[in-house]
Each structure stands twice: as C-alpha cells, then as structure tokens.
Amino acid sequence: MTKEVIIEKINDFLIDEFEVESDDISPEANLKNTLELDSLDFVDLVVAVESNFGVKLLGEDFVNVLTLQDFYNLIERKLS
C-alpha cells in the first residue's frame, strides 16, 4: 500500500467517523489540539485502523504521535 493511499484512507475515516473538518486536516495538525481528538476518540481510532488496515495498535505506539504526519508514519511502519 502506498503512502498516498494510507493518507487518503486515514483522512477519509477522520472526516467520516470523527467528523473532523477537511480544512483542519494537514500533516502538521496536532491530533489532540487541532483535530480535537480525546482519549475515547483514540480508542475508536485504534478500532478504525484495525478495520481499515488490518493492523493492531497499542498504547505505546502513540507515545511519540503528536501530529497527523506522525500518525501517517506510524501506520506506514506497521504495514511494512
């Protein structure tokens, strides 16, 4: 799966399932502050990643994930 496809899928489920405004989506967007994802959203995000990409995420996977770009990179690493 290419990085572009990963980014497109993530952006799509952020808009559809988390009601994130498309204007707020950018690689440097902070997941908590800009996209306003809270701890319950992160649980839902893990479920969305598992159903969309078939990979499991653990709490420690998010330790260094602050921005959407960090999240894209995390999913890309998990898929490789």
PDB file of N, CA and C in Angstrom:
ATOM      1  N   MET A   1       0.844  -1.169   0.000  1.00  0.00           N
ATOM      2  CA  MET A   1       0.000   0.000   0.000  1.00  0.00           C
ATOM      3  C   MET A   1       0.898   1.244   0.000  1.00  0.00           C
ATOM      4  N   THR A   2       0.610   2.176  -0.880  1.00  0.00           N
ATOM      5  CA  THR A   2       1.441   3.374  -0.973  1.00  0.00           C
ATOM      6  C   THR A   2       1.110   4.355   0.151  1.00  0.00           C
ATOM      7  N   LYS A   3       2.036   5.245   0.409  1.00  0.00           N
ATOM      8  CA  LYS A   3       1.829   6.253   1.445  1.00  0.00           C
ATOM      9  C   LYS A   3       0.621   7.128   1.107  1.00  0.00           C
ATOM     10  N   GLU A   4       0.437   7.416  -0.187  1.00  0.00           N
ATOM     11  CA  GLU A   4      -0.695   8.242  -0.613  1.00  0.00           C
ATOM     12  C   GLU A   4      -2.026   7.573  -0.277  1.00  0.00           C
ATOM     13  N   VAL A   5      -2.107   6.258  -0.480  1.00  0.00           N
ATOM     14  CA  VAL A   5      -3.336   5.515  -0.165  1.00  0.00           C
ATOM     15  C   VAL A   5      -3.567   5.510   1.347  1.00  0.00           C
ATOM     16  N   ILE A   6      -2.514   5.330   2.114  1.00  0.00           N
ATOM     17  CA  ILE A   6      -2.614   5.362   3.581  1.00  0.00           C
ATOM     18  C   ILE A   6      -3.169   6.716   4.029  1.00  0.00           C
ATOM     19  N   ILE A   7      -2.601   7.788   3.518  1.00  0.00           N
ATOM     20  CA  ILE A   7      -3.031   9.140   3.893  1.00  0.00           C
ATOM     21  C   ILE A   7      -4.487   9.365   3.505  1.00  0.00           C
ATOM     22  N   GLU A   8      -4.854   8.944   2.302  1.00  0.00           N
ATOM     23  CA  GLU A   8      -6.231   9.127   1.837  1.00  0.00           C
ATOM     24  C   GLU A   8      -7.225   8.369   2.723  1.00  0.00           C
ATOM     25  N   LYS A   9      -6.903   7.119   3.066  1.00  0.00           N
ATOM     26  CA  LYS A   9      -7.791   6.320   3.916  1.00  0.00           C
ATOM     27  C   LYS A   9      -7.931   6.937   5.309  1.00  0.00           C
ATOM     28  N   ILE A  10      -6.810   7.357   5.885  1.00  0.00           N
ATOM     29  CA  ILE A  10      -6.849   7.970   7.216  1.00  0.00           C
ATOM     30  C   ILE A  10      -7.680   9.244   7.187  1.00  0.00           C
ATOM     31  N   ASN A  11      -7.424  10.091   6.209  1.00  0.00           N
ATOM     32  CA  ASN A  11      -8.169  11.345   6.110  1.00  0.00           C
ATOM     33  C   ASN A  11      -9.663  11.077   5.943  1.00  0.00           C
ATOM     34  N   ASP A  12     -10.003  10.082   5.118  1.00  0.00           N
ATOM     35  CA  ASP A  12     -11.408   9.755   4.884  1.00  0.00           C
ATOM     36  C   ASP A  12     -12.107   9.313   6.161  1.00  0.00           C
ATOM     37  N   PHE A  13     -11.457   8.418   6.948  1.00  0.00           N
ATOM     38  CA  PHE A  13     -12.171   7.996   8.151  1.00  0.00           C
ATOM     39  C   PHE A  13     -12.148   9.047   9.246  1.00  0.00           C
ATOM     40  N   LEU A  14     -11.176   9.967   9.236  1.00  0.00           N
ATOM     41  CA  LEU A  14     -11.222  11.084  10.183  1.00  0.00           C
ATOM     42  C   LEU A  14     -12.419  11.984   9.885  1.00  0.00           C
ATOM     43  N   ILE A  15     -12.666  12.216   8.615  1.00  0.00           N
ATOM     44  CA  ILE A  15     -13.797  13.059   8.207  1.00  0.00           C
ATOM     45  C   ILE A  15     -15.120  12.340   8.449  1.00  0.00           C
ATOM     46  N   ASP A  16     -15.207  11.085   8.018  1.00  0.00           N
ATOM     47  CA  ASP A  16     -16.468  10.338   8.093  1.00  0.00           C
ATOM     48  C   ASP A  16     -16.828   9.881   9.499  1.00  0.00           C
ATOM     49  N   GLU A  17     -15.872   9.344  10.228  1.00  0.00           N
ATOM     50  CA  GLU A  17     -16.166   8.736  11.522  1.00  0.00           C
ATOM     51  C   GLU A  17     -15.923   9.650  12.715  1.00  0.00           C
ATOM     52  N   PHE A  18     -15.036  10.626  12.548  1.00  0.00           N
ATOM     53  CA  PHE A  18     -14.693  11.501  13.672  1.00  0.00           C
ATOM     54  C   PHE A  18     -15.163  12.935  13.456  1.00  0.00           C
ATOM     55  N   GLU A  19     -15.826  13.173  12.327  1.00  0.00           N
ATOM     56  CA  GLU A  19     -16.379  14.481  11.991  1.00  0.00           C
ATOM     57  C   GLU A  19     -15.345  15.602  12.042  1.00  0.00           C
ATOM     58  N   VAL A  20     -14.116  15.270  11.638  1.00  0.00           N
ATOM     59  CA  VAL A  20     -13.064  16.270  11.538  1.00  0.00           C
ATOM     60  C   VAL A  20     -13.310  17.066  10.256  1.00  0.00           C
ATOM     61  N   GLU A  21     -13.191  18.369  10.346  1.00  0.00           N
ATOM     62  CA  GLU A  21     -13.357  19.223   9.170  1.00  0.00           C
ATOM     63  C   GLU A  21     -12.182  19.013   8.222  1.00  0.00           C
ATOM     64  N   SER A  22     -12.479  18.859   6.941  1.00  0.00           N
ATOM     65  CA  SER A  22     -11.410  18.615   5.960  1.00  0.00           C
ATOM     66  C   SER A  22     -10.398  19.756   5.946  1.00  0.00           C
ATOM     67  N   ASP A  23     -10.832  20.967   6.253  1.00  0.00           N
ATOM     68  CA  ASP A  23      -9.918  22.113   6.297  1.00  0.00           C
ATOM     69  C   ASP A  23      -8.895  21.996   7.425  1.00  0.00           C
ATOM     70  N   ASP A  24      -9.220  21.224   8.466  1.00  0.00           N
ATOM     71  CA  ASP A  24      -8.320  21.056   9.606  1.00  0.00           C
ATOM     72  C   ASP A  24      -7.260  19.985   9.361  1.00  0.00           C
ATOM     73  N   ILE A  25      -7.450  19.191   8.310  1.00  0.00           N
ATOM     74  CA  ILE A  25      -6.541  18.084   8.052  1.00  0.00           C
ATOM     75  C   ILE A  25      -5.323  18.560   7.276  1.00  0.00           C
ATOM     76  N   SER A  26      -4.180  18.445   7.942  1.00  0.00           N
ATOM     77  CA  SER A  26      -2.889  18.736   7.320  1.00  0.00           C
ATOM     78  C   SER A  26      -1.850  17.915   8.078  1.00  0.00           C
ATOM     79  N   PRO A  27      -0.730  17.612   7.449  1.00  0.00           N
ATOM     80  CA  PRO A  27       0.280  16.777   8.117  1.00  0.00           C
ATOM     81  C   PRO A  27       0.737  17.326   9.470  1.00  0.00           C
ATOM     82  N   GLU A  28       0.766  18.641   9.615  1.00  0.00           N
ATOM     83  CA  GLU A  28       1.248  19.221  10.872  1.00  0.00           C
ATOM     84  C   GLU A  28       0.145  19.409  11.909  1.00  0.00           C
ATOM     85  N   ALA A  29      -1.086  19.019  11.602  1.00  0.00           N
ATOM     86  CA  ALA A  29      -2.200  19.157  12.545  1.00  0.00           C
ATOM     87  C   ALA A  29      -1.967  18.292  13.781  1.00  0.00           C
ATOM     88  N   ASN A  30      -2.122  18.897  14.939  1.00  0.00           N
ATOM     89  CA  ASN A  30      -1.986  18.176  16.202  1.00  0.00           C
ATOM     90  C   ASN A  30      -3.267  17.376  16.440  1.00  0.00           C
ATOM     91  N   LEU A  31      -3.120  16.083  16.748  1.00  0.00           N
ATOM     92  CA  LEU A  31      -4.284  15.214  16.906  1.00  0.00           C
ATOM     93  C   LEU A  31      -5.204  15.670  18.034  1.00  0.00           C
ATOM     94  N   LYS A  32      -4.631  16.103  19.136  1.00  0.00           N
ATOM     95  CA  LYS A  32      -5.454  16.496  20.285  1.00  0.00           C
ATOM     96  C   LYS A  32      -5.949  17.931  20.167  1.00  0.00           C
ATOM     97  N   ASN A  33      -5.064  18.855  19.855  1.00  0.00           N
ATOM     98  CA  ASN A  33      -5.437  20.267  19.869  1.00  0.00           C
ATOM     99  C   ASN A  33      -6.161  20.707  18.604  1.00  0.00           C
ATOM    100  N   THR A  34      -5.601  20.399  17.450  1.00  0.00           N
ATOM    101  CA  THR A  34      -6.189  20.857  16.197  1.00  0.00           C
ATOM    102  C   THR A  34      -7.392  20.014  15.794  1.00  0.00           C
ATOM    103  N   LEU A  35      -7.236  18.694  15.854  1.00  0.00           N
ATOM    104  CA  LEU A  35      -8.316  17.801  15.430  1.00  0.00           C
ATOM    105  C   LEU A  35      -9.289  17.478  16.562  1.00  0.00           C
ATOM    106  N   GLU A  36      -8.941  17.911  17.787  1.00  0.00           N
ATOM    107  CA  GLU A  36      -9.795  17.764  18.963  1.00  0.00           C
ATOM    108  C   GLU A  36     -10.186  16.316  19.254  1.00  0.00           C
ATOM    109  N   LEU A  37      -9.215  15.400  19.100  1.00  0.00           N
ATOM    110  CA  LEU A  37      -9.452  14.000  19.437  1.00  0.00           C
ATOM    111  C   LEU A  37      -9.140  13.803  20.917  1.00  0.00           C
ATOM    112  N   ASP A  38     -10.081  13.201  21.639  1.00  0.00           N
ATOM    113  CA  ASP A  38      -9.851  12.940  23.059  1.00  0.00           C
ATOM    114  C   ASP A  38      -9.497  11.466  23.264  1.00  0.00           C
ATOM    115  N   SER A  39      -9.357  11.051  24.508  1.00  0.00           N
ATOM    116  CA  SER A  39      -8.910   9.680  24.788  1.00  0.00           C
ATOM    117  C   SER A  39      -9.892   8.636  24.257  1.00  0.00           C
ATOM    118  N   LEU A  40     -11.179   8.904  24.309  1.00  0.00           N
ATOM    119  CA  LEU A  40     -12.157   7.966  23.751  1.00  0.00           C
ATOM    120  C   LEU A  40     -12.044   7.897  22.230  1.00  0.00           C
ATOM    121  N   ASP A  41     -11.745   9.042  21.607  1.00  0.00           N
ATOM    122  CA  ASP A  41     -11.542   9.049  20.154  1.00  0.00           C
ATOM    123  C   ASP A  41     -10.336   8.197  19.773  1.00  0.00           C
ATOM    124  N   PHE A  42      -9.299   8.199  20.620  1.00  0.00           N
ATOM    125  CA  PHE A  42      -8.119   7.390  20.325  1.00  0.00           C
ATOM    126  C   PHE A  42      -8.456   5.900  20.356  1.00  0.00           C
ATOM    127  N   VAL A  43      -9.343   5.505  21.244  1.00  0.00           N
ATOM    128  CA  VAL A  43      -9.793   4.113  21.272  1.00  0.00           C
ATOM    129  C   VAL A  43     -10.508   3.793  19.964  1.00  0.00           C
ATOM    130  N   ASP A  44     -11.402   4.671  19.546  1.00  0.00           N
ATOM    131  CA  ASP A  44     -12.114   4.481  18.278  1.00  0.00           C
ATOM    132  C   ASP A  44     -11.158   4.508  17.097  1.00  0.00           C
ATOM    133  N   LEU A  45     -10.114   5.322  17.202  1.00  0.00           N
ATOM    134  CA  LEU A  45      -9.111   5.408  16.147  1.00  0.00           C
ATOM    135  C   LEU A  45      -8.379   4.084  15.988  1.00  0.00           C
ATOM    136  N   VAL A  46      -8.070   3.436  17.094  1.00  0.00           N
ATOM    137  CA  VAL A  46      -7.412   2.128  17.063  1.00  0.00           C
ATOM    138  C   VAL A  46      -8.313   1.116  16.348  1.00  0.00           C
ATOM    139  N   VAL A  47      -9.601   1.144  16.655  1.00  0.00           N
ATOM    140  CA  VAL A  47     -10.559   0.238  16.009  1.00  0.00           C
ATOM    141  C   VAL A  47     -10.649   0.546  14.515  1.00  0.00           C
ATOM    142  N   ALA A  48     -10.689   1.819  14.160  1.00  0.00           N
ATOM    143  CA  ALA A  48     -10.771   2.219  12.751  1.00  0.00           C
ATOM    144  C   ALA A  48      -9.528   1.775  11.986  1.00  0.00           C
ATOM    145  N   VAL A  49      -8.367   1.890  12.599  1.00  0.00           N
ATOM    146  CA  VAL A  49      -7.122   1.463  11.946  1.00  0.00           C
ATOM    147  C   VAL A  49      -7.139  -0.047  11.743  1.00  0.00           C
ATOM    148  N   GLU A  50      -7.587  -0.774  12.759  1.00  0.00           N
ATOM    149  CA  GLU A  50      -7.630  -2.225  12.643  1.00  0.00           C
ATOM    150  C   GLU A  50      -8.578  -2.656  11.515  1.00  0.00           C
ATOM    151  N   SER A  51      -9.735  -2.024  11.415  1.00  0.00           N
ATOM    152  CA  SER A  51     -10.683  -2.423  10.373  1.00  0.00           C
ATOM    153  C   SER A  51     -10.276  -1.946   8.985  1.00  0.00           C
ATOM    154  N   ASN A  52      -9.591  -0.802   8.889  1.00  0.00           N
ATOM    155  CA  ASN A  52      -9.191  -0.270   7.584  1.00  0.00           C
ATOM    156  C   ASN A  52      -7.863  -0.817   7.073  1.00  0.00           C
ATOM    157  N   PHE A  53      -6.955  -1.140   8.010  1.00  0.00           N
ATOM    158  CA  PHE A  53      -5.618  -1.554   7.605  1.00  0.00           C
ATOM    159  C   PHE A  53      -5.233  -2.956   8.075  1.00  0.00           C
ATOM    160  N   GLY A  54      -6.004  -3.521   8.998  1.00  0.00           N
ATOM    161  CA  GLY A  54      -5.696  -4.858   9.481  1.00  0.00           C
ATOM    162  C   GLY A  54      -4.486  -4.929  10.397  1.00  0.00           C
ATOM    163  N   VAL A  55      -4.145  -3.822  11.044  1.00  0.00           N
ATOM    164  CA  VAL A  55      -3.019  -3.808  11.987  1.00  0.00           C
ATOM    165  C   VAL A  55      -3.528  -3.413  13.373  1.00  0.00           C
ATOM    166  N   LYS A  56      -2.868  -3.949  14.387  1.00  0.00           N
ATOM    167  CA  LYS A  56      -3.233  -3.626  15.761  1.00  0.00           C
ATOM    168  C   LYS A  56      -2.289  -2.540  16.284  1.00  0.00           C
ATOM    169  N   LEU A  57      -2.878  -1.594  17.006  1.00  0.00           N
ATOM    170  CA  LEU A  57      -2.100  -0.546  17.643  1.00  0.00           C
ATOM    171  C   LEU A  57      -2.214  -0.693  19.149  1.00  0.00           C
ATOM    172  N   LEU A  58      -1.134  -0.412  19.832  1.00  0.00           N
ATOM    173  CA  LEU A  58      -1.103  -0.455  21.290  1.00  0.00           C
ATOM    174  C   LEU A  58      -0.897   0.958  21.821  1.00  0.00           C
ATOM    175  N   GLY A  59      -1.156   1.144  23.090  1.00  0.00           N
ATOM    176  CA  GLY A  59      -0.977   2.458  23.700  1.00  0.00           C
ATOM    177  C   GLY A  59       0.412   3.015  23.502  1.00  0.00           C
ATOM    178  N   GLU A  60       1.407   2.137  23.630  1.00  0.00           N
ATOM    179  CA  GLU A  60       2.793   2.622  23.486  1.00  0.00           C
ATOM    180  C   GLU A  60       3.116   3.069  22.061  1.00  0.00           C
ATOM    181  N   ASP A  61       2.329   2.624  21.088  1.00  0.00           N
ATOM    182  CA  ASP A  61       2.535   3.081  19.705  1.00  0.00           C
ATOM    183  C   ASP A  61       2.289   4.581  19.569  1.00  0.00           C
ATOM    184  N   PHE A  62       1.468   5.133  20.461  1.00  0.00           N
ATOM    185  CA  PHE A  62       1.097   6.544  20.373  1.00  0.00           C
ATOM    186  C   PHE A  62       2.000   7.481  21.174  1.00  0.00           C
ATOM    187  N   VAL A  63       3.020   6.940  21.832  1.00  0.00           N
ATOM    188  CA  VAL A  63       3.874   7.753  22.704  1.00  0.00           C
ATOM    189  C   VAL A  63       4.450   8.968  21.980  1.00  0.00           C
ATOM    190  N   ASN A  64       4.941   8.776  20.770  1.00  0.00           N
ATOM    191  CA  ASN A  64       5.557   9.880  20.026  1.00  0.00           C
ATOM    192  C   ASN A  64       4.675  10.400  18.895  1.00  0.00           C
ATOM    193  N   VAL A  65       3.399  10.097  18.949  1.00  0.00           N
ATOM    194  CA  VAL A  65       2.482  10.544  17.900  1.00  0.00           C
ATOM    195  C   VAL A  65       1.753  11.795  18.383  1.00  0.00           C
ATOM    196  N   LEU A  66       2.157  12.924  17.826  1.00  0.00           N
ATOM    197  CA  LEU A  66       1.521  14.192  18.174  1.00  0.00           C
ATOM    198  C   LEU A  66       0.737  14.771  17.004  1.00  0.00           C
ATOM    199  N   THR A  67       1.298  14.622  15.810  1.00  0.00           N
ATOM    200  CA  THR A  67       0.693  15.227  14.631  1.00  0.00           C
ATOM    201  C   THR A  67       0.114  14.161  13.709  1.00  0.00           C
ATOM    202  N   LEU A  68      -0.642  14.618  12.754  1.00  0.00           N
ATOM    203  CA  LEU A  68      -1.204  13.709  11.775  1.00  0.00           C
ATOM    204  C   LEU A  68      -0.091  13.046  10.970  1.00  0.00           C
ATOM    205  N   GLN A  69       0.986  13.773  10.686  1.00  0.00           N
ATOM    206  CA  GLN A  69       2.124  13.181   9.975  1.00  0.00           C
ATOM    207  C   GLN A  69       2.732  12.045  10.788  1.00  0.00           C
ATOM    208  N   ASP A  70       2.848  12.228  12.094  1.00  0.00           N
ATOM    209  CA  ASP A  70       3.345  11.149  12.964  1.00  0.00           C
ATOM    210  C   ASP A  70       2.442   9.926  12.851  1.00  0.00           C
ATOM    211  N   PHE A  71       1.140  10.166  12.794  1.00  0.00           N
ATOM    212  CA  PHE A  71       0.180   9.066  12.697  1.00  0.00           C
ATOM    213  C   PHE A  71       0.301   8.361  11.351  1.00  0.00           C
ATOM    214  N   TYR A  72       0.421   9.128  10.269  1.00  0.00           N
ATOM    215  CA  TYR A  72       0.638   8.522   8.946  1.00  0.00           C
ATOM    216  C   TYR A  72       1.876   7.625   8.973  1.00  0.00           C
ATOM    217  N   ASN A  73       2.951   8.148   9.547  1.00  0.00           N
ATOM    218  CA  ASN A  73       4.211   7.397   9.605  1.00  0.00           C
ATOM    219  C   ASN A  73       4.059   6.125  10.432  1.00  0.00           C
ATOM    220  N   LEU A  74       3.322   6.200  11.540  1.00  0.00           N
ATOM    221  CA  LEU A  74       3.088   5.033  12.380  1.00  0.00           C
ATOM    222  C   LEU A  74       2.381   3.935  11.593  1.00  0.00           C
ATOM    223  N   ILE A  75       1.339   4.287  10.882  1.00  0.00           N
ATOM    224  CA  ILE A  75       0.587   3.291  10.110  1.00  0.00           C
ATOM    225  C   ILE A  75       1.466   2.726   8.996  1.00  0.00           C
ATOM    226  N   GLU A  76       2.233   3.579   8.352  1.00  0.00           N
ATOM    227  CA  GLU A  76       3.132   3.100   7.289  1.00  0.00           C
ATOM    228  C   GLU A  76       4.148   2.103   7.854  1.00  0.00           C
ATOM    229  N   ARG A  77       4.706   2.381   9.028  1.00  0.00           N
ATOM    230  CA  ARG A  77       5.653   1.451   9.664  1.00  0.00           C
ATOM    231  C   ARG A  77       4.980   0.144  10.016  1.00  0.00           C
ATOM    232  N   LYS A  78       3.770   0.208  10.540  1.00  0.00           N
ATOM    233  CA  LYS A  78       3.047  -1.008  10.931  1.00  0.00           C
ATOM    234  C   LYS A  78       2.729  -1.888   9.718  1.00  0.00           C
ATOM    235  N   LEU A  79       2.531  -1.267   8.567  1.00  0.00           N
ATOM    236  CA  LEU A  79       2.190  -2.017   7.359  1.00  0.00           C
ATOM    237  C   LEU A  79       3.404  -2.592   6.645  1.00  0.00           C
ATOM    238  N   SER A  80       4.587  -2.095   6.990  1.00  0.00           N
ATOM    239  CA  SER A  80       5.787  -2.577   6.269  1.00  0.00           C
ATOM    240  C   SER A  80       6.426  -3.772   6.944  1.00  0.00           C
TER     241      SER A  80
END
